[in-house]
Amino acid sequence: MRCSRMLRTICGTRFCCGLRFTSMELETLYDLYLHELRDLYSAEQQLIKALPKMSKAATNRQLSAGFNHHLQQTKRHATRLEQIFERLEESGRGPKCEGMEGLIAEGDKMAKEQAEDEVRDAGLIAAAQRVEHYEIAGYGCARTYAELLGDKTGARLLDTTLKEEGETDKKLTKLAKLAINVDAIYLPRAGKKNGDSSLTQKVKNLMAKLAG
């Protein structure tokens, strides 16, 4: 028995001429699992389009490179979801993920803000971390559903992505602490250009030492 048929049998889903009804009525845990997978897939597809824009908007080289690296990761995340859909004999098509749509809109707005480069970069990190936290929550739920349904392979794939999302969040936090947010704090105010750059550098050096 294929994995998808086993899960459907366990969950008591209905069939018509050997095919599952396409309407997404959340009557079973399997329905909820599939709904979450499709929502995550939509989120990843949107993020694949958004990350190049965020990379271009970032002025900090490490941040820009980080966005480009996460773009490649996100493509792999989408591929893993496609593997799960294939095993379940289900389509990945579903409604657009409105949560991710809103988070990306916030990031786009920040990228277009009239702000000092360092301040904008700090804002981009905040927007990116909101995205990471959203995905961490979604992948955590999907992994739990997979475990409860006995989809061991799906749970493993989802857990791999979940760990990668967590690592990305940690890297963004470290980058914010070590460089970008320090620059944003010590920028000259009221348009003045004679700020104490030596103070900014001293703080950076101190934080670099503390980071090890």
N, C-alpha and C. Protein backbone atom coordinates (compact mmCIF):
# COMPACT_ATOMS: atom_id res chain seq x y z
N MET A 1 0.85 -1.21 0.00
CA MET A 1 0.00 0.00 0.00
C MET A 1 0.88 1.24 0.00
N ARG A 2 0.64 2.13 -0.93
CA ARG A 2 1.41 3.35 -0.99
C ARG A 2 1.16 4.19 0.25
N CYS A 3 2.15 5.08 0.57
CA CYS A 3 2.07 5.90 1.79
C CYS A 3 0.79 6.72 1.83
N SER A 4 0.44 7.35 0.71
CA SER A 4 -0.73 8.22 0.67
C SER A 4 -2.01 7.43 0.96
N ARG A 5 -2.13 6.23 0.40
CA ARG A 5 -3.32 5.42 0.62
C ARG A 5 -3.42 4.98 2.08
N MET A 6 -2.28 4.67 2.65
CA MET A 6 -2.27 4.25 4.05
C MET A 6 -2.74 5.39 4.95
N LEU A 7 -2.22 6.60 4.69
CA LEU A 7 -2.60 7.75 5.51
C LEU A 7 -4.08 8.05 5.35
N ARG A 8 -4.59 7.95 4.15
CA ARG A 8 -6.00 8.23 3.91
C ARG A 8 -6.89 7.21 4.62
N THR A 9 -6.44 5.96 4.59
CA THR A 9 -7.22 4.93 5.25
C THR A 9 -7.27 5.17 6.75
N ILE A 10 -6.12 5.52 7.32
CA ILE A 10 -6.06 5.80 8.75
C ILE A 10 -6.96 6.97 9.12
N CYS A 11 -6.97 7.99 8.28
CA CYS A 11 -7.71 9.21 8.59
C CYS A 11 -9.17 9.14 8.19
N GLY A 12 -9.55 8.11 7.45
CA GLY A 12 -10.94 7.97 7.07
C GLY A 12 -11.39 8.94 6.00
N THR A 13 -10.51 9.33 5.11
CA THR A 13 -10.89 10.25 4.05
C THR A 13 -11.73 9.55 3.00
N ARG A 14 -12.53 10.33 2.25
CA ARG A 14 -13.46 9.77 1.29
C ARG A 14 -12.87 9.66 -0.11
N PHE A 15 -13.39 8.69 -0.87
CA PHE A 15 -12.91 8.48 -2.23
C PHE A 15 -14.08 8.53 -3.23
N CYS A 16 -13.74 8.86 -4.48
CA CYS A 16 -14.72 8.83 -5.57
C CYS A 16 -14.00 8.29 -6.79
N CYS A 17 -14.37 7.09 -7.24
CA CYS A 17 -13.72 6.46 -8.40
C CYS A 17 -12.21 6.34 -8.19
N GLY A 18 -11.79 6.07 -6.93
CA GLY A 18 -10.37 5.88 -6.64
C GLY A 18 -9.62 7.17 -6.40
N LEU A 19 -10.28 8.32 -6.52
CA LEU A 19 -9.60 9.60 -6.33
C LEU A 19 -10.19 10.32 -5.14
N ARG A 20 -9.32 11.03 -4.43
CA ARG A 20 -9.79 11.76 -3.27
C ARG A 20 -10.50 13.03 -3.72
N PHE A 21 -11.56 13.43 -3.01
CA PHE A 21 -12.23 14.68 -3.34
C PHE A 21 -11.24 15.84 -3.23
N THR A 22 -11.34 16.78 -4.14
CA THR A 22 -10.37 17.87 -4.18
C THR A 22 -10.75 19.03 -3.27
N SER A 23 -11.96 19.08 -2.77
CA SER A 23 -12.34 20.17 -1.89
C SER A 23 -11.60 20.03 -0.57
N MET A 24 -11.07 21.17 -0.07
CA MET A 24 -10.28 21.12 1.14
C MET A 24 -11.14 21.33 2.37
N GLU A 25 -11.97 20.34 2.69
CA GLU A 25 -12.71 20.35 3.93
C GLU A 25 -11.81 19.71 4.98
N LEU A 26 -11.54 20.45 6.04
CA LEU A 26 -10.61 19.95 7.04
C LEU A 26 -11.34 19.03 8.02
N GLU A 27 -11.66 17.83 7.54
CA GLU A 27 -12.41 16.88 8.35
C GLU A 27 -11.50 15.93 9.12
N THR A 28 -10.26 15.76 8.66
CA THR A 28 -9.35 14.80 9.28
C THR A 28 -7.98 15.43 9.47
N LEU A 29 -7.15 14.75 10.25
CA LEU A 29 -5.78 15.23 10.44
C LEU A 29 -5.00 15.20 9.14
N TYR A 30 -5.31 14.22 8.29
CA TYR A 30 -4.66 14.17 6.98
C TYR A 30 -4.98 15.42 6.17
N ASP A 31 -6.24 15.86 6.22
CA ASP A 31 -6.64 17.08 5.51
C ASP A 31 -5.83 18.27 6.03
N LEU A 32 -5.68 18.34 7.34
CA LEU A 32 -4.94 19.46 7.94
C LEU A 32 -3.47 19.40 7.57
N TYR A 33 -2.92 18.19 7.55
CA TYR A 33 -1.53 17.98 7.14
C TYR A 33 -1.30 18.47 5.72
N LEU A 34 -2.18 18.07 4.83
CA LEU A 34 -2.07 18.47 3.43
C LEU A 34 -2.24 19.98 3.28
N HIS A 35 -3.17 20.54 4.02
CA HIS A 35 -3.39 21.99 3.99
C HIS A 35 -2.13 22.73 4.43
N GLU A 36 -1.48 22.25 5.48
CA GLU A 36 -0.26 22.90 5.98
C GLU A 36 0.88 22.78 4.97
N LEU A 37 0.99 21.62 4.34
CA LEU A 37 2.04 21.43 3.33
C LEU A 37 1.85 22.37 2.15
N ARG A 38 0.62 22.53 1.71
CA ARG A 38 0.34 23.43 0.58
C ARG A 38 0.58 24.88 0.96
N ASP A 39 0.26 25.23 2.18
CA ASP A 39 0.49 26.60 2.65
C ASP A 39 1.99 26.88 2.69
N LEU A 40 2.76 25.93 3.16
CA LEU A 40 4.22 26.08 3.20
C LEU A 40 4.80 26.15 1.79
N TYR A 41 4.26 25.37 0.89
CA TYR A 41 4.76 25.37 -0.49
C TYR A 41 4.50 26.72 -1.15
N SER A 42 3.33 27.27 -0.92
CA SER A 42 3.01 28.60 -1.44
C SER A 42 3.95 29.64 -0.83
N ALA A 43 4.21 29.51 0.47
CA ALA A 43 5.09 30.44 1.15
C ALA A 43 6.50 30.39 0.56
N GLU A 44 7.00 29.18 0.31
CA GLU A 44 8.35 29.04 -0.25
C GLU A 44 8.43 29.61 -1.66
N GLN A 45 7.39 29.39 -2.46
CA GLN A 45 7.39 29.93 -3.82
C GLN A 45 7.41 31.45 -3.82
N GLN A 46 6.66 32.05 -2.90
CA GLN A 46 6.67 33.51 -2.78
C GLN A 46 8.03 34.02 -2.33
N LEU A 47 8.64 33.28 -1.40
CA LEU A 47 9.93 33.70 -0.86
C LEU A 47 11.03 33.61 -1.91
N ILE A 48 10.94 32.61 -2.79
CA ILE A 48 11.92 32.48 -3.87
C ILE A 48 11.94 33.73 -4.75
N LYS A 49 10.78 34.33 -4.95
CA LYS A 49 10.69 35.55 -5.75
C LYS A 49 11.12 36.79 -4.96
N ALA A 50 10.94 36.76 -3.64
CA ALA A 50 11.20 37.94 -2.82
C ALA A 50 12.67 38.10 -2.42
N LEU A 51 13.36 36.98 -2.19
CA LEU A 51 14.73 37.06 -1.66
C LEU A 51 15.72 37.81 -2.57
N PRO A 52 15.65 37.65 -3.90
CA PRO A 52 16.56 38.43 -4.73
C PRO A 52 16.37 39.95 -4.55
N LYS A 53 15.14 40.37 -4.34
CA LYS A 53 14.86 41.79 -4.11
C LYS A 53 15.44 42.25 -2.78
N MET A 54 15.33 41.40 -1.75
CA MET A 54 15.87 41.75 -0.45
C MET A 54 17.40 41.81 -0.50
N SER A 55 18.00 40.90 -1.27
CA SER A 55 19.45 40.90 -1.42
C SER A 55 19.93 42.17 -2.11
N LYS A 56 19.19 42.58 -3.11
CA LYS A 56 19.55 43.80 -3.85
C LYS A 56 19.38 45.04 -2.98
N ALA A 57 18.39 45.04 -2.10
CA ALA A 57 18.11 46.20 -1.25
C ALA A 57 19.12 46.33 -0.12
N ALA A 58 19.73 45.22 0.28
CA ALA A 58 20.68 45.25 1.40
C ALA A 58 22.00 45.87 0.96
N THR A 59 22.56 46.75 1.80
CA THR A 59 23.85 47.37 1.50
C THR A 59 25.00 46.66 2.20
N ASN A 60 24.69 45.98 3.30
CA ASN A 60 25.71 45.20 3.99
C ASN A 60 26.01 43.95 3.18
N ARG A 61 27.28 43.73 2.85
CA ARG A 61 27.65 42.62 1.97
C ARG A 61 27.31 41.26 2.58
N GLN A 62 27.53 41.12 3.88
CA GLN A 62 27.22 39.85 4.53
C GLN A 62 25.72 39.57 4.50
N LEU A 63 24.93 40.61 4.69
CA LEU A 63 23.49 40.43 4.66
C LEU A 63 23.02 40.06 3.27
N SER A 64 23.54 40.75 2.27
CA SER A 64 23.16 40.46 0.89
C SER A 64 23.54 39.03 0.51
N ALA A 65 24.74 38.62 0.92
CA ALA A 65 25.19 37.25 0.64
C ALA A 65 24.32 36.24 1.39
N GLY A 66 23.91 36.62 2.60
CA GLY A 66 23.06 35.74 3.39
C GLY A 66 21.71 35.51 2.73
N PHE A 67 21.15 36.56 2.16
CA PHE A 67 19.87 36.43 1.45
C PHE A 67 20.04 35.53 0.23
N ASN A 68 21.16 35.68 -0.49
CA ASN A 68 21.40 34.84 -1.67
C ASN A 68 21.58 33.37 -1.28
N HIS A 69 22.26 33.15 -0.15
CA HIS A 69 22.44 31.78 0.33
C HIS A 69 21.09 31.17 0.72
N HIS A 70 20.27 31.96 1.38
CA HIS A 70 18.97 31.44 1.81
C HIS A 70 18.05 31.19 0.62
N LEU A 71 18.27 31.92 -0.46
CA LEU A 71 17.50 31.67 -1.67
C LEU A 71 17.73 30.24 -2.16
N GLN A 72 18.98 29.83 -2.19
CA GLN A 72 19.29 28.47 -2.62
C GLN A 72 18.71 27.44 -1.65
N GLN A 73 18.76 27.76 -0.35
CA GLN A 73 18.16 26.89 0.66
C GLN A 73 16.66 26.77 0.45
N THR A 74 16.03 27.90 0.18
CA THR A 74 14.57 27.93 0.01
C THR A 74 14.15 27.08 -1.18
N LYS A 75 14.93 27.09 -2.23
CA LYS A 75 14.63 26.24 -3.39
C LYS A 75 14.68 24.76 -3.00
N ARG A 76 15.63 24.41 -2.13
CA ARG A 76 15.71 23.03 -1.66
C ARG A 76 14.52 22.69 -0.76
N HIS A 77 14.08 23.67 0.02
CA HIS A 77 12.91 23.46 0.88
C HIS A 77 11.68 23.16 0.03
N ALA A 78 11.53 23.90 -1.05
CA ALA A 78 10.40 23.68 -1.96
C ALA A 78 10.49 22.30 -2.61
N THR A 79 11.71 21.89 -2.96
CA THR A 79 11.90 20.57 -3.57
C THR A 79 11.52 19.46 -2.60
N ARG A 80 11.86 19.63 -1.33
CA ARG A 80 11.49 18.62 -0.33
C ARG A 80 9.97 18.50 -0.21
N LEU A 81 9.30 19.63 -0.24
CA LEU A 81 7.83 19.58 -0.19
C LEU A 81 7.27 18.87 -1.40
N GLU A 82 7.87 19.11 -2.57
CA GLU A 82 7.42 18.43 -3.78
C GLU A 82 7.62 16.92 -3.66
N GLN A 83 8.69 16.51 -2.99
CA GLN A 83 8.94 15.08 -2.78
C GLN A 83 7.84 14.47 -1.91
N ILE A 84 7.41 15.23 -0.89
CA ILE A 84 6.34 14.74 -0.01
C ILE A 84 5.03 14.63 -0.78
N PHE A 85 4.71 15.65 -1.58
CA PHE A 85 3.49 15.59 -2.39
C PHE A 85 3.50 14.39 -3.32
N GLU A 86 4.65 14.14 -3.91
CA GLU A 86 4.76 13.01 -4.84
C GLU A 86 4.51 11.69 -4.12
N ARG A 87 5.08 11.53 -2.93
CA ARG A 87 4.87 10.31 -2.16
C ARG A 87 3.41 10.16 -1.73
N LEU A 88 2.76 11.28 -1.43
CA LEU A 88 1.36 11.23 -1.01
C LEU A 88 0.40 11.15 -2.19
N GLU A 89 0.95 11.25 -3.40
CA GLU A 89 0.14 11.28 -4.62
C GLU A 89 -0.88 12.42 -4.56
N GLU A 90 -0.39 13.56 -4.15
CA GLU A 90 -1.23 14.75 -4.02
C GLU A 90 -0.62 15.91 -4.79
N SER A 91 -1.44 16.88 -5.14
CA SER A 91 -0.96 18.10 -5.80
C SER A 91 -0.54 19.12 -4.74
N GLY A 92 0.46 19.91 -5.09
CA GLY A 92 0.90 20.97 -4.19
C GLY A 92 0.12 22.25 -4.38
N ARG A 93 -0.81 22.24 -5.30
CA ARG A 93 -1.59 23.45 -5.55
C ARG A 93 -2.57 23.73 -4.42
N GLY A 94 -2.67 24.99 -4.08
CA GLY A 94 -3.59 25.39 -3.02
C GLY A 94 -3.70 26.90 -2.99
N PRO A 95 -4.49 27.44 -2.06
CA PRO A 95 -4.63 28.89 -1.95
C PRO A 95 -3.29 29.55 -1.65
N LYS A 96 -3.16 30.79 -2.04
CA LYS A 96 -1.94 31.54 -1.76
C LYS A 96 -1.79 31.75 -0.26
N CYS A 97 -0.59 31.57 0.23
CA CYS A 97 -0.33 31.75 1.66
C CYS A 97 -0.40 33.24 1.99
N GLU A 98 -1.47 33.65 2.64
CA GLU A 98 -1.68 35.07 2.93
C GLU A 98 -0.73 35.57 4.01
N GLY A 99 -0.34 34.67 4.93
CA GLY A 99 0.60 35.07 5.97
C GLY A 99 1.93 35.50 5.38
N MET A 100 2.48 34.67 4.49
CA MET A 100 3.75 35.02 3.85
C MET A 100 3.60 36.23 2.95
N GLU A 101 2.47 36.34 2.29
CA GLU A 101 2.22 37.50 1.43
C GLU A 101 2.33 38.79 2.24
N GLY A 102 1.76 38.81 3.44
CA GLY A 102 1.82 39.99 4.29
C GLY A 102 3.22 40.29 4.78
N LEU A 103 3.96 39.24 5.14
CA LEU A 103 5.32 39.42 5.63
C LEU A 103 6.24 39.95 4.53
N ILE A 104 6.06 39.43 3.32
CA ILE A 104 6.88 39.90 2.20
C ILE A 104 6.54 41.36 1.87
N ALA A 105 5.27 41.72 1.98
CA ALA A 105 4.86 43.10 1.73
C ALA A 105 5.55 44.04 2.72
N GLU A 106 5.68 43.60 3.97
CA GLU A 106 6.38 44.41 4.97
C GLU A 106 7.85 44.57 4.58
N GLY A 107 8.46 43.48 4.11
CA GLY A 107 9.85 43.55 3.68
C GLY A 107 10.04 44.48 2.50
N ASP A 108 9.13 44.43 1.54
CA ASP A 108 9.19 45.31 0.37
C ASP A 108 9.09 46.77 0.79
N LYS A 109 8.20 47.03 1.74
CA LYS A 109 8.02 48.39 2.22
C LYS A 109 9.29 48.90 2.89
N MET A 110 9.92 48.04 3.68
CA MET A 110 11.17 48.43 4.34
C MET A 110 12.27 48.70 3.33
N ALA A 111 12.33 47.87 2.28
CA ALA A 111 13.38 48.05 1.27
C ALA A 111 13.25 49.38 0.55
N LYS A 112 12.05 49.93 0.50
CA LYS A 112 11.81 51.18 -0.22
C LYS A 112 11.83 52.40 0.70
N GLU A 113 12.04 52.19 2.00
CA GLU A 113 12.04 53.30 2.95
C GLU A 113 13.18 54.26 2.66
N GLN A 114 12.90 55.56 2.84
CA GLN A 114 13.94 56.57 2.74
C GLN A 114 14.67 56.60 4.08
N ALA A 115 15.75 55.84 4.17
CA ALA A 115 16.47 55.71 5.43
C ALA A 115 17.95 55.54 5.16
N GLU A 116 18.76 55.76 6.21
CA GLU A 116 20.18 55.48 6.10
C GLU A 116 20.37 54.00 5.80
N ASP A 117 21.42 53.69 5.08
CA ASP A 117 21.64 52.30 4.65
C ASP A 117 21.65 51.32 5.82
N GLU A 118 22.37 51.70 6.89
CA GLU A 118 22.49 50.78 8.03
C GLU A 118 21.15 50.56 8.72
N VAL A 119 20.34 51.62 8.78
CA VAL A 119 19.03 51.52 9.41
C VAL A 119 18.12 50.63 8.56
N ARG A 120 18.16 50.81 7.25
CA ARG A 120 17.35 49.98 6.36
C ARG A 120 17.76 48.52 6.46
N ASP A 121 19.07 48.27 6.52
CA ASP A 121 19.55 46.89 6.65
C ASP A 121 19.04 46.25 7.94
N ALA A 122 19.05 47.03 9.03
CA ALA A 122 18.54 46.51 10.30
C ALA A 122 17.06 46.16 10.17
N GLY A 123 16.32 47.01 9.45
CA GLY A 123 14.90 46.75 9.22
C GLY A 123 14.67 45.52 8.36
N LEU A 124 15.55 45.30 7.39
CA LEU A 124 15.45 44.12 6.53
C LEU A 124 15.69 42.84 7.32
N ILE A 125 16.61 42.91 8.26
CA ILE A 125 16.86 41.74 9.10
C ILE A 125 15.62 41.44 9.93
N ALA A 126 15.00 42.47 10.49
CA ALA A 126 13.79 42.27 11.29
C ALA A 126 12.70 41.61 10.44
N ALA A 127 12.55 42.09 9.20
CA ALA A 127 11.54 41.53 8.30
C ALA A 127 11.87 40.07 7.97
N ALA A 128 13.14 39.79 7.74
CA ALA A 128 13.57 38.42 7.40
C ALA A 128 13.35 37.47 8.58
N GLN A 129 13.58 37.95 9.79
CA GLN A 129 13.40 37.09 10.95
C GLN A 129 11.92 36.80 11.21
N ARG A 130 11.06 37.76 10.90
CA ARG A 130 9.62 37.47 11.00
C ARG A 130 9.24 36.33 10.05
N VAL A 131 9.83 36.36 8.86
CA VAL A 131 9.59 35.28 7.90
C VAL A 131 10.08 33.95 8.45
N GLU A 132 11.29 33.95 9.02
CA GLU A 132 11.84 32.72 9.57
C GLU A 132 10.97 32.15 10.69
N HIS A 133 10.51 33.03 11.57
CA HIS A 133 9.68 32.56 12.69
C HIS A 133 8.36 32.00 12.19
N TYR A 134 7.82 32.60 11.15
CA TYR A 134 6.58 32.10 10.56
C TYR A 134 6.79 30.70 9.99
N GLU A 135 7.89 30.53 9.28
CA GLU A 135 8.17 29.23 8.67
C GLU A 135 8.51 28.18 9.72
N ILE A 136 9.23 28.57 10.76
CA ILE A 136 9.56 27.64 11.84
C ILE A 136 8.28 27.10 12.47
N ALA A 137 7.32 27.99 12.70
CA ALA A 137 6.04 27.55 13.28
C ALA A 137 5.32 26.59 12.34
N GLY A 138 5.28 26.93 11.06
CA GLY A 138 4.58 26.09 10.07
C GLY A 138 5.22 24.73 9.90
N TYR A 139 6.56 24.70 9.78
CA TYR A 139 7.24 23.42 9.59
C TYR A 139 7.17 22.58 10.86
N GLY A 140 7.17 23.23 12.02
CA GLY A 140 7.05 22.48 13.26
C GLY A 140 5.71 21.77 13.36
N CYS A 141 4.64 22.47 12.97
CA CYS A 141 3.30 21.86 12.98
C CYS A 141 3.21 20.73 11.96
N ALA A 142 3.71 20.97 10.76
CA ALA A 142 3.64 19.95 9.70
C ALA A 142 4.41 18.70 10.10
N ARG A 143 5.57 18.88 10.72
CA ARG A 143 6.36 17.72 11.17
C ARG A 143 5.58 16.90 12.21
N THR A 144 4.93 17.61 13.13
CA THR A 144 4.14 16.92 14.16
C THR A 144 3.01 16.12 13.53
N TYR A 145 2.32 16.73 12.55
CA TYR A 145 1.23 16.02 11.86
C TYR A 145 1.77 14.77 11.16
N ALA A 146 2.93 14.92 10.52
CA ALA A 146 3.53 13.78 9.81
C ALA A 146 3.85 12.65 10.78
N GLU A 147 4.37 13.01 11.94
CA GLU A 147 4.70 11.99 12.94
C GLU A 147 3.45 11.28 13.43
N LEU A 148 2.40 12.05 13.69
CA LEU A 148 1.16 11.47 14.19
C LEU A 148 0.51 10.55 13.16
N LEU A 149 0.68 10.88 11.88
CA LEU A 149 0.10 10.08 10.80
C LEU A 149 0.98 8.91 10.38
N GLY A 150 2.17 8.82 10.94
CA GLY A 150 3.07 7.73 10.59
C GLY A 150 3.84 7.96 9.30
N ASP A 151 3.86 9.21 8.82
CA ASP A 151 4.63 9.53 7.61
C ASP A 151 6.07 9.85 8.03
N LYS A 152 6.85 8.79 8.24
CA LYS A 152 8.20 8.95 8.76
C LYS A 152 9.12 9.71 7.81
N THR A 153 9.00 9.42 6.51
CA THR A 153 9.84 10.10 5.52
C THR A 153 9.48 11.58 5.45
N GLY A 154 8.19 11.89 5.45
CA GLY A 154 7.76 13.27 5.43
C GLY A 154 8.23 14.01 6.67
N ALA A 155 8.14 13.36 7.82
CA ALA A 155 8.59 13.98 9.07
C ALA A 155 10.08 14.28 9.03
N ARG A 156 10.85 13.36 8.45
CA ARG A 156 12.30 13.57 8.35
C ARG A 156 12.64 14.74 7.44
N LEU A 157 11.98 14.81 6.30
CA LEU A 157 12.23 15.91 5.36
C LEU A 157 11.85 17.26 5.97
N LEU A 158 10.71 17.28 6.64
CA LEU A 158 10.25 18.51 7.28
C LEU A 158 11.16 18.93 8.42
N ASP A 159 11.68 17.96 9.16
CA ASP A 159 12.58 18.26 10.27
C ASP A 159 13.90 18.83 9.76
N THR A 160 14.38 18.33 8.64
CA THR A 160 15.61 18.86 8.05
C THR A 160 15.45 20.34 7.70
N THR A 161 14.33 20.66 7.07
CA THR A 161 14.05 22.06 6.72
C THR A 161 13.88 22.91 7.98
N LEU A 162 13.20 22.37 8.97
CA LEU A 162 12.97 23.10 10.21
C LEU A 162 14.30 23.49 10.86
N LYS A 163 15.25 22.58 10.88
CA LYS A 163 16.56 22.87 11.47
C LYS A 163 17.30 23.93 10.67
N GLU A 164 17.18 23.89 9.35
CA GLU A 164 17.84 24.89 8.51
C GLU A 164 17.23 26.27 8.73
N GLU A 165 15.92 26.34 8.90
CA GLU A 165 15.27 27.62 9.16
C GLU A 165 15.75 28.19 10.50
N GLY A 166 15.91 27.32 11.49
CA GLY A 166 16.40 27.76 12.78
C GLY A 166 17.81 28.30 12.70
N GLU A 167 18.67 27.64 11.93
CA GLU A 167 20.05 28.10 11.77
C GLU A 167 20.11 29.45 11.06
N THR A 168 19.25 29.63 10.07
CA THR A 168 19.19 30.91 9.36
C THR A 168 18.80 32.04 10.30
N ASP A 169 17.83 31.77 11.16
CA ASP A 169 17.39 32.77 12.14
C ASP A 169 18.54 33.15 13.07
N LYS A 170 19.32 32.16 13.52
CA LYS A 170 20.46 32.44 14.40
C LYS A 170 21.52 33.28 13.69
N LYS A 171 21.77 32.99 12.43
CA LYS A 171 22.76 33.75 11.65
C LYS A 171 22.33 35.21 11.49
N LEU A 172 21.04 35.42 11.27
CA LEU A 172 20.53 36.78 11.14
C LEU A 172 20.69 37.54 12.44
N THR A 173 20.42 36.88 13.55
CA THR A 173 20.57 37.51 14.86
C THR A 173 22.02 37.89 15.11
N LYS A 174 22.94 36.99 14.80
CA LYS A 174 24.36 37.25 14.99
C LYS A 174 24.82 38.41 14.12
N LEU A 175 24.38 38.44 12.87
CA LEU A 175 24.75 39.51 11.96
C LEU A 175 24.23 40.85 12.46
N ALA A 176 23.01 40.86 12.95
CA ALA A 176 22.42 42.09 13.47
C ALA A 176 23.21 42.62 14.66
N LYS A 177 23.61 41.73 15.55
CA LYS A 177 24.34 42.13 16.76
C LYS A 177 25.75 42.61 16.46
N LEU A 178 26.40 41.95 15.51
CA LEU A 178 27.81 42.22 15.27
C LEU A 178 28.06 43.43 14.38
N ALA A 179 27.12 43.77 13.54
CA ALA A 179 27.42 44.85 12.59
C ALA A 179 26.28 45.82 12.35
N ILE A 180 25.21 45.33 11.80
CA ILE A 180 24.19 46.23 11.28
C ILE A 180 23.53 47.07 12.35
N ASN A 181 23.05 46.48 13.42
CA ASN A 181 22.35 47.25 14.43
C ASN A 181 23.27 48.22 15.15
N VAL A 182 24.56 47.89 15.25
CA VAL A 182 25.53 48.81 15.84
C VAL A 182 25.65 50.05 14.97
N ASP A 183 25.76 49.86 13.67
CA ASP A 183 25.82 50.99 12.75
C ASP A 183 24.56 51.84 12.87
N ALA A 184 23.41 51.21 12.97
CA ALA A 184 22.15 51.95 13.04
C ALA A 184 22.06 52.78 14.32
N ILE A 185 22.53 52.23 15.44
CA ILE A 185 22.47 52.95 16.71
C ILE A 185 23.34 54.19 16.70
N TYR A 186 24.54 54.11 16.14
CA TYR A 186 25.49 55.20 16.22
C TYR A 186 25.52 56.10 14.99
N LEU A 187 24.49 56.03 14.17
CA LEU A 187 24.41 56.96 13.05
C LEU A 187 24.20 58.38 13.57
N PRO A 188 24.80 59.39 12.93
CA PRO A 188 24.56 60.78 13.33
C PRO A 188 23.08 61.12 13.20
N ARG A 189 22.53 61.87 14.13
CA ARG A 189 21.13 62.24 14.10
C ARG A 189 20.91 63.60 13.43
N ALA A 190 19.68 63.83 13.09
CA ALA A 190 19.26 65.13 12.52
C ALA A 190 20.07 65.50 11.29
N GLY A 191 20.49 64.50 10.53
CA GLY A 191 21.18 64.77 9.27
C GLY A 191 22.62 65.16 9.43
N LYS A 192 23.17 65.13 10.66
CA LYS A 192 24.55 65.52 10.86
C LYS A 192 25.47 64.43 10.32
N LYS A 193 26.57 64.86 9.76
CA LYS A 193 27.51 63.93 9.15
C LYS A 193 28.83 63.85 9.92
N ASN A 194 28.87 64.42 11.11
CA ASN A 194 30.13 64.46 11.86
C ASN A 194 30.06 63.59 13.10
N GLY A 195 29.38 62.42 12.98
CA GLY A 195 29.24 61.53 14.13
C GLY A 195 30.58 60.92 14.51
N ASP A 196 30.65 60.36 15.70
CA ASP A 196 31.87 59.79 16.21
C ASP A 196 32.07 58.40 15.63
N SER A 197 32.72 58.35 14.45
CA SER A 197 32.93 57.07 13.79
C SER A 197 33.87 56.19 14.59
N SER A 198 34.78 56.82 15.35
CA SER A 198 35.72 56.04 16.15
C SER A 198 34.97 55.26 17.23
N LEU A 199 33.90 55.87 17.79
CA LEU A 199 33.10 55.20 18.80
C LEU A 199 32.41 53.98 18.20
N THR A 200 31.87 54.15 16.99
CA THR A 200 31.21 53.03 16.31
C THR A 200 32.19 51.89 16.10
N GLN A 201 33.42 52.23 15.68
CA GLN A 201 34.41 51.21 15.42
C GLN A 201 34.82 50.49 16.70
N LYS A 202 34.94 51.26 17.79
CA LYS A 202 35.31 50.65 19.07
C LYS A 202 34.25 49.66 19.53
N VAL A 203 32.99 50.04 19.35
CA VAL A 203 31.90 49.15 19.75
C VAL A 203 31.92 47.89 18.89
N LYS A 204 32.15 48.07 17.60
CA LYS A 204 32.22 46.92 16.69
C LYS A 204 33.34 45.96 17.11
N ASN A 205 34.52 46.52 17.42
CA ASN A 205 35.65 45.70 17.80
C ASN A 205 35.36 44.93 19.10
N LEU A 206 34.72 45.61 20.04
CA LEU A 206 34.39 44.98 21.31
C LEU A 206 33.42 43.82 21.11
N MET A 207 32.38 44.05 20.27
CA MET A 207 31.37 43.02 20.04
C MET A 207 31.98 41.84 19.29
N ALA A 208 32.95 42.12 18.40
CA ALA A 208 33.61 41.05 17.66
C ALA A 208 34.41 40.17 18.62
N LYS A 209 35.07 40.80 19.61
CA LYS A 209 35.83 40.03 20.61
C LYS A 209 34.90 39.16 21.45
N LEU A 210 33.76 39.74 21.84
CA LEU A 210 32.81 39.00 22.66
C LEU A 210 32.23 37.82 21.92
N ALA A 211 32.09 37.99 20.60
CA ALA A 211 31.54 36.90 19.76
C ALA A 211 32.54 35.77 19.60
N GLY A 212 33.77 36.05 19.94
CA GLY A 212 34.79 34.99 19.88
C GLY A 212 35.47 34.87 18.55
